[in-house]
């Protein structure tokens, strides 16, 4: 009898339907991080020969970890030292249906390594640069585009993007939120939020910004940017800025919401030294 009871119990267990698998929780939001340059493109250089492409990748990996703790799904446009064309970077963000696209870069003064210049600049897309300095930065970063790229295609993409007022307004608010957080966390000189025609931002169908996280060409700041403590402070600030932007946009619970009302500088952005003029992009 005990054997019969055991056999019956086993048969019942085998006949029972399997427990339904737990549905995986969708990510709160999707971010595409773009470590600048890579592969054959070193980017800017420090006095010691440290390369922008290496430092931006290190920072991107730290930002990824922090955003994943917020419940985000994070995609890097490159996971190693590889060449990724500028148009492909925004295309990755579109393919992933990202909520935001953040391109990470290090600045370089016109004189190159050893030239003294410090501070953080934050950019969002415009057909016209805010000033001569913004135009020079865009020209340097745009130099990575391949010679086979048709300039008219890129210009057309920028003009098309500027017609999307919702994404433009979100990009402006994201730029101010990130800029304020970065300046507060690093105490670096505030060089302002600006606009410029960056090819890497053209075509991104979501809030998209480019961060110049400091001057790797500066003898002092270049060394600081290579230090883990500075990189951690930058990563923490970027994660905090994104969280503040999401709260301001009404998306803290991971739900889609319309653009928040109010001025381009969102409530969490804090003061900046040179506010970007929205008129260049709003015409």
Foldseek 3Di string as FASTA:
>chain_A
DVVVVVVVVVVVVVPDDDDDDDDDDAFLFEEEEEQAFFAPGQAAAAPVGHTSSVLSLVLLVLLCVLVVVLRYHYHYPDNHRDGDALVVSLVVCVVVVGQEYEYETADADPVGAADDDKDKEKEDEFAAKQDPVRAVRQVRRQVSHDPPDDVVVLSVLSLVVLVVVQQVLLLLQLRLLLLQLLCVLQVMDFPYYIYHHHSSNRPRPHRYMYMHNIHLRHNPVVVVSPDPVSSNSSSVSNSRSVCVSCVQQVSSSSDDHGGHDDDSHTPNRDDGDDRYDCPRSND
